[in-house]
Structure formats: C-alpha cells, structure tokens
C-alpha cells in the first residue's frame, strides 16, 4: 500500500550521475487498491453492475408511471360511479 500511495524511491540521473532520489507512486498498485475498496465503481464487474443499476432505475421509473396511470384510471371510475349513482337516485 505504501508503494501505491507514497511511492518507491527512484534515482534522478544528470550527466551520468545520480543527483537525487524521487518518490514515484505505482499506479498499478493504486488501481488495484481502488478495485478492492470500490469494486462497484472500479472493479472488473463495474460495467455490469452499472448496467444493472440503470435497468433497475428504468424499471422503477416505468413502474411509478404505471401506478400513476392506474391511480388516474381508478379515480375516473370512482367519479363515473358517483355520477351514475346520482342519476339513479334522481330517477328513483
């Protein structure tokens, strides 16, 4: 983990001599850490999980729209039944 976050010491060369040391983080180690910690975003199955979440969201959206349409339809049926009852009461 240290190699990924802080880095490994690498020599800095100038005119054929080592003049300094520089810490260079290992991006492969960082990538593996991300895959382990946030597998749903960076793991090998991330695209599949993202697609499943999108399908689930689309399903929920369609289900909500359907429930709204059913509620409107039921309200219309209740209103029609109330009007029919008034007509039968007036006729009787």
PDB file of N, CA and C in Angstrom:
ATOM      1  N   UNK A   1       0.825  -1.183   0.000  1.00  0.00           N
ATOM      2  CA  UNK A   1       0.000   0.000   0.000  1.00  0.00           C
ATOM      3  C   UNK A   1       0.872   1.251   0.000  1.00  0.00           C
ATOM      4  N   UNK A   2       1.959   1.208   0.729  1.00  0.00           N
ATOM      5  CA  UNK A   2       2.857   2.361   0.782  1.00  0.00           C
ATOM      6  C   UNK A   2       3.413   2.684  -0.602  1.00  0.00           C
ATOM      7  N   UNK A   3       3.727   1.643  -1.372  1.00  0.00           N
ATOM      8  CA  UNK A   3       4.272   1.851  -2.709  1.00  0.00           C
ATOM      9  C   UNK A   3       3.250   2.537  -3.612  1.00  0.00           C
ATOM     10  N   UNK A   4       1.986   2.266  -3.402  1.00  0.00           N
ATOM     11  CA  UNK A   4       0.951   2.884  -4.211  1.00  0.00           C
ATOM     12  C   UNK A   4       0.668   4.318  -3.818  1.00  0.00           C
ATOM     13  N   UNK A   5       0.695   4.600  -2.522  1.00  0.00           N
ATOM     14  CA  UNK A   5       0.354   5.943  -2.057  1.00  0.00           C
ATOM     15  C   UNK A   5       1.550   6.884  -2.004  1.00  0.00           C
ATOM     16  N   UNK A   6       2.650   6.432  -1.416  1.00  0.00           N
ATOM     17  CA  UNK A   6       3.832   7.291  -1.258  1.00  0.00           C
ATOM     18  C   UNK A   6       4.775   7.123  -2.432  1.00  0.00           C
ATOM     19  N   UNK A   7       5.017   5.888  -2.796  1.00  0.00           N
ATOM     20  CA  UNK A   7       5.875   5.621  -3.943  1.00  0.00           C
ATOM     21  C   UNK A   7       7.172   4.956  -3.552  1.00  0.00           C
ATOM     22  N   UNK A   8       7.859   4.488  -4.557  1.00  0.00           N
ATOM     23  CA  UNK A   8       9.170   3.866  -4.368  1.00  0.00           C
ATOM     24  C   UNK A   8      10.244   4.870  -4.770  1.00  0.00           C
ATOM     25  N   UNK A   9      11.368   4.802  -4.099  1.00  0.00           N
ATOM     26  CA  UNK A   9      12.466   5.717  -4.404  1.00  0.00           C
ATOM     27  C   UNK A   9      13.091   5.352  -5.750  1.00  0.00           C
ATOM     28  N   UNK A  10      13.173   6.324  -6.620  1.00  0.00           N
ATOM     29  CA  UNK A  10      13.806   6.143  -7.927  1.00  0.00           C
ATOM     30  C   UNK A  10      14.937   7.172  -8.048  1.00  0.00           C
ATOM     31  N   UNK A  11      16.049   6.775  -8.613  1.00  0.00           N
ATOM     32  CA  UNK A  11      17.151   7.734  -8.758  1.00  0.00           C
ATOM     33  C   UNK A  11      16.862   8.748  -9.864  1.00  0.00           C
ATOM     34  N   UNK A  12      17.381   9.963  -9.656  1.00  0.00           N
ATOM     35  CA  UNK A  12      17.317  11.003 -10.682  1.00  0.00           C
ATOM     36  C   UNK A  12      18.730  11.168 -11.224  1.00  0.00           C
ATOM     37  N   UNK A  13      18.901  10.932 -12.507  1.00  0.00           N
ATOM     38  CA  UNK A  13      20.216  10.979 -13.152  1.00  0.00           C
ATOM     39  C   UNK A  13      20.416  12.314 -13.858  1.00  0.00           C
ATOM     40  N   UNK A  14      21.651  12.819 -13.779  1.00  0.00           N
ATOM     41  CA  UNK A  14      22.032  14.029 -14.511  1.00  0.00           C
ATOM     42  C   UNK A  14      23.512  13.907 -14.869  1.00  0.00           C
ATOM     43  N   UNK A  15      23.811  14.034 -16.122  1.00  0.00           N
ATOM     44  CA  UNK A  15      25.190  13.917 -16.618  1.00  0.00           C
ATOM     45  C   UNK A  15      25.844  12.606 -16.183  1.00  0.00           C
ATOM     46  N   UNK A  16      25.073  11.529 -16.223  1.00  0.00           N
ATOM     47  CA  UNK A  16      25.633  10.222 -15.911  1.00  0.00           C
ATOM     48  C   UNK A  16      25.807   9.941 -14.433  1.00  0.00           C
ATOM     49  N   UNK A  17      25.310  10.817 -13.569  1.00  0.00           N
ATOM     50  CA  UNK A  17      25.430  10.602 -12.123  1.00  0.00           C
ATOM     51  C   UNK A  17      24.049  10.674 -11.470  1.00  0.00           C
ATOM     52  N   UNK A  18      23.937   9.982 -10.354  1.00  0.00           N
ATOM     53  CA  UNK A  18      22.701  10.079  -9.572  1.00  0.00           C
ATOM     54  C   UNK A  18      22.806  11.345  -8.731  1.00  0.00           C
ATOM     55  N   UNK A  19      21.861  12.265  -8.947  1.00  0.00           N
ATOM     56  CA  UNK A  19      21.907  13.537  -8.225  1.00  0.00           C
ATOM     57  C   UNK A  19      20.827  13.649  -7.152  1.00  0.00           C
ATOM     58  N   UNK A  20      19.826  12.794  -7.227  1.00  0.00           N
ATOM     59  CA  UNK A  20      18.736  12.902  -6.253  1.00  0.00           C
ATOM     60  C   UNK A  20      17.922  11.605  -6.268  1.00  0.00           C
ATOM     61  N   UNK A  21      17.038  11.490  -5.313  1.00  0.00           N
ATOM     62  CA  UNK A  21      16.077  10.390  -5.253  1.00  0.00           C
ATOM     63  C   UNK A  21      14.675  10.999  -5.321  1.00  0.00           C
ATOM     64  N   UNK A  22      13.794  10.304  -6.002  1.00  0.00           N
ATOM     65  CA  UNK A  22      12.439  10.824  -6.176  1.00  0.00           C
ATOM     66  C   UNK A  22      11.436   9.709  -5.871  1.00  0.00           C
ATOM     67  N   UNK A  23      10.401  10.027  -5.115  1.00  0.00           N
ATOM     68  CA  UNK A  23       9.351   9.042  -4.825  1.00  0.00           C
ATOM     69  C   UNK A  23       8.364   9.012  -5.978  1.00  0.00           C
ATOM     70  N   UNK A  24       8.166   7.832  -6.546  1.00  0.00           N
ATOM     71  CA  UNK A  24       7.243   7.660  -7.668  1.00  0.00           C
ATOM     72  C   UNK A  24       6.188   6.636  -7.259  1.00  0.00           C
ATOM     73  N   UNK A  25       4.928   7.072  -7.127  1.00  0.00           N
ATOM     74  CA  UNK A  25       3.874   6.116  -6.765  1.00  0.00           C
ATOM     75  C   UNK A  25       3.621   5.132  -7.907  1.00  0.00           C
ATOM     76  N   UNK A  26       3.258   3.921  -7.549  1.00  0.00           N
ATOM     77  CA  UNK A  26       2.974   2.882  -8.537  1.00  0.00           C
ATOM     78  C   UNK A  26       1.475   2.915  -8.845  1.00  0.00           C
ATOM     79  N   UNK A  27       1.147   3.322 -10.054  1.00  0.00           N
ATOM     80  CA  UNK A  27      -0.251   3.486 -10.431  1.00  0.00           C
ATOM     81  C   UNK A  27      -0.987   2.149 -10.507  1.00  0.00           C
ATOM     82  N   UNK A  28      -0.282   1.093 -10.814  1.00  0.00           N
ATOM     83  CA  UNK A  28      -0.922  -0.227 -10.844  1.00  0.00           C
ATOM     84  C   UNK A  28      -1.388  -0.630  -9.451  1.00  0.00           C
ATOM     85  N   UNK A  29      -0.575  -0.328  -8.448  1.00  0.00           N
ATOM     86  CA  UNK A  29      -0.963  -0.646  -7.070  1.00  0.00           C
ATOM     87  C   UNK A  29      -2.168   0.201  -6.668  1.00  0.00           C
ATOM     88  N   UNK A  30      -2.163   1.483  -7.030  1.00  0.00           N
ATOM     89  CA  UNK A  30      -3.306   2.342  -6.723  1.00  0.00           C
ATOM     90  C   UNK A  30      -4.575   1.814  -7.385  1.00  0.00           C
ATOM     91  N   UNK A  31      -4.448   1.382  -8.629  1.00  0.00           N
ATOM     92  CA  UNK A  31      -5.600   0.858  -9.353  1.00  0.00           C
ATOM     93  C   UNK A  31      -6.154  -0.387  -8.648  1.00  0.00           C
ATOM     94  N   UNK A  32      -5.275  -1.275  -8.222  1.00  0.00           N
ATOM     95  CA  UNK A  32      -5.712  -2.479  -7.512  1.00  0.00           C
ATOM     96  C   UNK A  32      -6.377  -2.115  -6.182  1.00  0.00           C
ATOM     97  N   UNK A  33      -5.843  -1.103  -5.493  1.00  0.00           N
ATOM     98  CA  UNK A  33      -6.464  -0.657  -4.246  1.00  0.00           C
ATOM     99  C   UNK A  33      -7.872  -0.122  -4.505  1.00  0.00           C
ATOM    100  N   UNK A  34      -8.019   0.683  -5.556  1.00  0.00           N
ATOM    101  CA  UNK A  34      -9.339   1.198  -5.903  1.00  0.00           C
ATOM    102  C   UNK A  34     -10.303   0.066  -6.237  1.00  0.00           C
ATOM    103  N   UNK A  35      -9.826  -0.911  -6.979  1.00  0.00           N
ATOM    104  CA  UNK A  35     -10.683  -2.042  -7.336  1.00  0.00           C
ATOM    105  C   UNK A  35     -11.117  -2.808  -6.091  1.00  0.00           C
ATOM    106  N   UNK A  36     -10.248  -2.894  -5.105  1.00  0.00           N
ATOM    107  CA  UNK A  36     -10.587  -3.622  -3.883  1.00  0.00           C
ATOM    108  C   UNK A  36     -11.538  -2.818  -2.999  1.00  0.00           C
ATOM    109  N   UNK A  37     -11.286  -1.518  -2.880  1.00  0.00           N
ATOM    110  CA  UNK A  37     -12.067  -0.688  -1.965  1.00  0.00           C
ATOM    111  C   UNK A  37     -13.416  -0.300  -2.569  1.00  0.00           C
ATOM    112  N   UNK A  38     -13.428   0.046  -3.855  1.00  0.00           N
ATOM    113  CA  UNK A  38     -14.664   0.477  -4.517  1.00  0.00           C
ATOM    114  C   UNK A  38     -14.930  -0.403  -5.735  1.00  0.00           C
ATOM    115  N   UNK A  39     -15.211  -1.659  -5.470  1.00  0.00           N
ATOM    116  CA  UNK A  39     -15.400  -2.630  -6.553  1.00  0.00           C
ATOM    117  C   UNK A  39     -16.576  -2.259  -7.446  1.00  0.00           C
ATOM    118  N   UNK A  40     -17.613  -1.639  -6.871  1.00  0.00           N
ATOM    119  CA  UNK A  40     -18.778  -1.290  -7.681  1.00  0.00           C
ATOM    120  C   UNK A  40     -18.471  -0.207  -8.705  1.00  0.00           C
ATOM    121  N   UNK A  41     -17.406   0.555  -8.504  1.00  0.00           N
ATOM    122  CA  UNK A  41     -17.030   1.605  -9.442  1.00  0.00           C
ATOM    123  C   UNK A  41     -15.841   1.211 -10.303  1.00  0.00           C
ATOM    124  N   UNK A  42     -14.843   0.563  -9.716  1.00  0.00           N
ATOM    125  CA  UNK A  42     -13.590   0.299 -10.419  1.00  0.00           C
ATOM    126  C   UNK A  42     -13.282  -1.180 -10.625  1.00  0.00           C
ATOM    127  N   UNK A  43     -14.089  -2.049 -10.070  1.00  0.00           N
ATOM    128  CA  UNK A  43     -13.812  -3.482 -10.156  1.00  0.00           C
ATOM    129  C   UNK A  43     -14.067  -4.057 -11.538  1.00  0.00           C
ATOM    130  N   UNK A  44     -13.732  -5.315 -11.730  1.00  0.00           N
ATOM    131  CA  UNK A  44     -13.885  -5.944 -13.040  1.00  0.00           C
ATOM    132  C   UNK A  44     -15.346  -6.063 -13.473  1.00  0.00           C
ATOM    133  N   UNK A  45     -16.272  -6.066 -12.534  1.00  0.00           N
ATOM    134  CA  UNK A  45     -17.691  -6.176 -12.875  1.00  0.00           C
ATOM    135  C   UNK A  45     -18.407  -4.827 -12.810  1.00  0.00           C
ATOM    136  N   UNK A  46     -17.650  -3.729 -12.798  1.00  0.00           N
ATOM    137  CA  UNK A  46     -18.238  -2.400 -12.625  1.00  0.00           C
ATOM    138  C   UNK A  46     -19.230  -2.073 -13.732  1.00  0.00           C
ATOM    139  N   UNK A  47     -18.891  -2.363 -14.973  1.00  0.00           N
ATOM    140  CA  UNK A  47     -19.787  -2.048 -16.088  1.00  0.00           C
ATOM    141  C   UNK A  47     -21.083  -2.842 -15.974  1.00  0.00           C
ATOM    142  N   UNK A  48     -20.962  -4.099 -15.586  1.00  0.00           N
ATOM    143  CA  UNK A  48     -22.152  -4.937 -15.432  1.00  0.00           C
ATOM    144  C   UNK A  48     -23.031  -4.425 -14.294  1.00  0.00           C
ATOM    145  N   UNK A  49     -22.412  -4.051 -13.178  1.00  0.00           N
ATOM    146  CA  UNK A  49     -23.173  -3.514 -12.049  1.00  0.00           C
ATOM    147  C   UNK A  49     -23.844  -2.192 -12.409  1.00  0.00           C
ATOM    148  N   UNK A  50     -23.127  -1.339 -13.145  1.00  0.00           N
ATOM    149  CA  UNK A  50     -23.682  -0.052 -13.566  1.00  0.00           C
ATOM    150  C   UNK A  50     -24.889  -0.279 -14.487  1.00  0.00           C
ATOM    151  N   UNK A  51     -24.769  -1.224 -15.422  1.00  0.00           N
ATOM    152  CA  UNK A  51     -25.879  -1.526 -16.330  1.00  0.00           C
ATOM    153  C   UNK A  51     -27.080  -2.062 -15.556  1.00  0.00           C
ATOM    154  N   UNK A  52     -26.830  -2.894 -14.547  1.00  0.00           N
ATOM    155  CA  UNK A  52     -27.925  -3.429 -13.736  1.00  0.00           C
ATOM    156  C   UNK A  52     -28.620  -2.306 -12.970  1.00  0.00           C
ATOM    157  N   UNK A  53     -27.838  -1.371 -12.406  1.00  0.00           N
ATOM    158  CA  UNK A  53     -28.449  -0.241 -11.698  1.00  0.00           C
ATOM    159  C   UNK A  53     -29.296   0.597 -12.651  1.00  0.00           C
ATOM    160  N   UNK A  54     -28.809   0.801 -13.883  1.00  0.00           N
ATOM    161  CA  UNK A  54     -29.576   1.578 -14.858  1.00  0.00           C
ATOM    162  C   UNK A  54     -30.865   0.857 -15.238  1.00  0.00           C
ATOM    163  N   UNK A  55     -30.794  -0.467 -15.419  1.00  0.00           N
ATOM    164  CA  UNK A  55     -32.006  -1.238 -15.738  1.00  0.00           C
ATOM    165  C   UNK A  55     -33.000  -1.165 -14.589  1.00  0.00           C
ATOM    166  N   UNK A  56     -32.496  -1.290 -13.358  1.00  0.00           N
ATOM    167  CA  UNK A  56     -33.376  -1.218 -12.192  1.00  0.00           C
ATOM    168  C   UNK A  56     -34.035   0.157 -12.084  1.00  0.00           C
ATOM    169  N   UNK A  57     -33.270   1.216 -12.350  1.00  0.00           N
ATOM    170  CA  UNK A  57     -33.820   2.572 -12.289  1.00  0.00           C
ATOM    171  C   UNK A  57     -34.894   2.758 -13.361  1.00  0.00           C
ATOM    172  N   UNK A  58     -34.647   2.253 -14.561  1.00  0.00           N
ATOM    173  CA  UNK A  58     -35.635   2.346 -15.637  1.00  0.00           C
ATOM    174  C   UNK A  58     -36.898   1.568 -15.267  1.00  0.00           C
ATOM    175  N   UNK A  59     -36.728   0.389 -14.688  1.00  0.00           N
ATOM    176  CA  UNK A  59     -37.875  -0.411 -14.261  1.00  0.00           C
ATOM    177  C   UNK A  59     -38.689   0.328 -13.203  1.00  0.00           C
ATOM    178  N   UNK A  60     -37.994   0.917 -12.207  1.00  0.00           N
ATOM    179  CA  UNK A  60     -38.700   1.666 -11.165  1.00  0.00           C
ATOM    180  C   UNK A  60     -39.454   2.855 -11.760  1.00  0.00           C
ATOM    181  N   UNK A  61     -38.814   3.554 -12.717  1.00  0.00           N
ATOM    182  CA  UNK A  61     -39.459   4.707 -13.344  1.00  0.00           C
ATOM    183  C   UNK A  61     -40.733   4.274 -14.076  1.00  0.00           C
ATOM    184  N   UNK A  62     -40.651   3.186 -14.844  1.00  0.00           N
ATOM    185  CA  UNK A  62     -41.824   2.699 -15.573  1.00  0.00           C
ATOM    186  C   UNK A  62     -42.909   2.214 -14.616  1.00  0.00           C
ATOM    187  N   UNK A  63     -42.516   1.568 -13.542  1.00  0.00           N
ATOM    188  CA  UNK A  63     -43.479   1.093 -12.556  1.00  0.00           C
ATOM    189  C   UNK A  63     -44.198   2.271 -11.907  1.00  0.00           C
ATOM    190  N   UNK A  64     -43.466   3.325 -11.563  1.00  0.00           N
ATOM    191  CA  UNK A  64     -44.080   4.518 -10.977  1.00  0.00           C
ATOM    192  C   UNK A  64     -45.058   5.165 -11.953  1.00  0.00           C
ATOM    193  N   UNK A  65     -44.671   5.251 -13.233  1.00  0.00           N
ATOM    194  CA  UNK A  65     -45.569   5.824 -14.239  1.00  0.00           C
ATOM    195  C   UNK A  65     -46.840   4.989 -14.358  1.00  0.00           C
ATOM    196  N   UNK A  66     -46.684   3.669 -14.340  1.00  0.00           N
ATOM    197  CA  UNK A  66     -47.846   2.786 -14.418  1.00  0.00           C
ATOM    198  C   UNK A  66     -48.765   2.955 -13.222  1.00  0.00           C
ATOM    199  N   UNK A  67     -48.189   3.077 -12.037  1.00  0.00           N
ATOM    200  CA  UNK A  67     -49.003   3.273 -10.831  1.00  0.00           C
ATOM    201  C   UNK A  67     -49.766   4.592 -10.894  1.00  0.00           C
ATOM    202  N   UNK A  68     -49.151   5.631 -11.450  1.00  0.00           N
ATOM    203  CA  UNK A  68     -49.846   6.916 -11.601  1.00  0.00           C
ATOM    204  C   UNK A  68     -51.012   6.783 -12.573  1.00  0.00           C
ATOM    205  N   UNK A  69     -50.790   6.065 -13.697  1.00  0.00           N
ATOM    206  CA  UNK A  69     -51.870   5.874 -14.667  1.00  0.00           C
ATOM    207  C   UNK A  69     -53.023   5.083 -14.049  1.00  0.00           C
ATOM    208  N   UNK A  70     -52.700   4.063 -13.269  1.00  0.00           N
ATOM    209  CA  UNK A  70     -53.738   3.259 -12.613  1.00  0.00           C
ATOM    210  C   UNK A  70     -54.510   4.117 -11.618  1.00  0.00           C
ATOM    211  N   UNK A  71     -53.825   4.968 -10.876  1.00  0.00           N
ATOM    212  CA  UNK A  71     -54.499   5.835  -9.906  1.00  0.00           C
ATOM    213  C   UNK A  71     -55.460   6.787 -10.613  1.00  0.00           C
ATOM    214  N   UNK A  72     -55.045   7.356 -11.745  1.00  0.00           N
ATOM    215  CA  UNK A  72     -55.920   8.250 -12.508  1.00  0.00           C
ATOM    216  C   UNK A  72     -57.133   7.475 -13.018  1.00  0.00           C
ATOM    217  N   UNK A  73     -56.886   6.284 -13.541  1.00  0.00           N
ATOM    218  CA  UNK A  73     -57.970   5.450 -14.062  1.00  0.00           C
ATOM    219  C   UNK A  73     -58.969   5.099 -12.959  1.00  0.00           C
ATOM    220  N   UNK A  74     -58.473   4.713 -11.791  1.00  0.00           N
ATOM    221  CA  UNK A  74     -59.366   4.374 -10.680  1.00  0.00           C
ATOM    222  C   UNK A  74     -60.165   5.587 -10.223  1.00  0.00           C
ATOM    223  N   UNK A  75     -59.542   6.771 -10.228  1.00  0.00           N
ATOM    224  CA  UNK A  75     -60.256   7.992  -9.852  1.00  0.00           C
ATOM    225  C   UNK A  75     -61.369   8.281 -10.854  1.00  0.00           C
ATOM    226  N   UNK A  76     -61.112   8.061 -12.138  1.00  0.00           N
ATOM    227  CA  UNK A  76     -62.142   8.270 -13.160  1.00  0.00           C
ATOM    228  C   UNK A  76     -63.297   7.290 -12.971  1.00  0.00           C
ATOM    229  N   UNK A  77     -62.969   6.036 -12.649  1.00  0.00           N
ATOM    230  CA  UNK A  77     -64.016   5.034 -12.425  1.00  0.00           C
ATOM    231  C   UNK A  77     -64.863   5.411 -11.217  1.00  0.00           C
ATOM    232  N   UNK A  78     -64.222   5.858 -10.134  1.00  0.00           N
ATOM    233  CA  UNK A  78     -64.979   6.266  -8.943  1.00  0.00           C
ATOM    234  C   UNK A  78     -65.877   7.465  -9.254  1.00  0.00           C
ATOM    235  N   UNK A  79     -65.353   8.423 -10.024  1.00  0.00           N
ATOM    236  CA  UNK A  79     -66.152   9.595 -10.385  1.00  0.00           C
ATOM    237  C   UNK A  79     -67.342   9.180 -11.246  1.00  0.00           C
ATOM    238  N   UNK A  80     -67.122   8.282 -12.196  1.00  0.00           N
ATOM    239  CA  UNK A  80     -68.217   7.807 -13.045  1.00  0.00           C
ATOM    240  C   UNK A  80     -69.258   7.062 -12.216  1.00  0.00           C
ATOM    241  N   UNK A  81     -68.802   6.238 -11.278  1.00  0.00           N
ATOM    242  CA  UNK A  81     -69.733   5.510 -10.412  1.00  0.00           C
ATOM    243  C   UNK A  81     -70.557   6.482  -9.578  1.00  0.00           C
ATOM    244  N   UNK A  82     -69.926   7.546  -9.092  1.00  0.00           N
ATOM    245  CA  UNK A  82     -70.651   8.545  -8.300  1.00  0.00           C
ATOM    246  C   UNK A  82     -71.693   9.248  -9.165  1.00  0.00           C
ATOM    247  N   UNK A  83     -71.350   9.573 -10.413  1.00  0.00           N
ATOM    248  CA  UNK A  83     -72.306  10.225 -11.319  1.00  0.00           C
ATOM    249  C   UNK A  83     -73.473   9.285 -11.630  1.00  0.00           C
ATOM    250  N   UNK A  84     -73.167   8.013 -11.861  1.00  0.00           N
ATOM    251  CA  UNK A  84     -74.225   7.043 -12.147  1.00  0.00           C
ATOM    252  C   UNK A  84     -75.153   6.871 -10.946  1.00  0.00           C
ATOM    253  N   UNK A  85     -74.584   6.914  -9.745  1.00  0.00           N
ATOM    254  CA  UNK A  85     -75.397   6.777  -8.530  1.00  0.00           C
ATOM    255  C   UNK A  85     -76.318   7.977  -8.386  1.00  0.00           C
ATOM    256  N   UNK A  86     -75.800   9.180  -8.682  1.00  0.00           N
ATOM    257  CA  UNK A  86     -76.628  10.386  -8.606  1.00  0.00           C
ATOM    258  C   UNK A  86     -77.783  10.299  -9.595  1.00  0.00           C
ATOM    259  N   UNK A  87     -77.491   9.811 -10.811  1.00  0.00           N
ATOM    260  CA  UNK A  87     -78.539   9.690 -11.825  1.00  0.00           C
ATOM    261  C   UNK A  87     -79.611   8.701 -11.373  1.00  0.00           C
ATOM    262  N   UNK A  88     -79.173   7.587 -10.778  1.00  0.00           N
ATOM    263  CA  UNK A  88     -80.153   6.586 -10.336  1.00  0.00           C
ATOM    264  C   UNK A  88     -80.961   7.101  -9.149  1.00  0.00           C
ATOM    265  N   UNK A  89     -80.339   7.910  -8.287  1.00  0.00           N
ATOM    266  CA  UNK A  89     -81.063   8.493  -7.155  1.00  0.00           C
ATOM    267  C   UNK A  89     -82.079   9.522  -7.645  1.00  0.00           C
ATOM    268  N   UNK A  90     -81.713  10.304  -8.672  1.00  0.00           N
ATOM    269  CA  UNK A  90     -82.611  11.315  -9.224  1.00  0.00           C
ATOM    270  C   UNK A  90     -83.785  10.646  -9.947  1.00  0.00           C
ATOM    271  N   UNK A  91     -83.540   9.539 -10.582  1.00  0.00           N
ATOM    272  CA  UNK A  91     -84.585   8.851 -11.336  1.00  0.00           C
ATOM    273  C   UNK A  91     -85.532   8.110 -10.404  1.00  0.00           C
ATOM    274  N   UNK A  92     -85.062   7.732  -9.263  1.00  0.00           N
ATOM    275  CA  UNK A  92     -85.832   6.882  -8.356  1.00  0.00           C
ATOM    276  C   UNK A  92     -86.656   7.602  -7.404  1.00  0.00           C
TER     277      UNK A  92
END
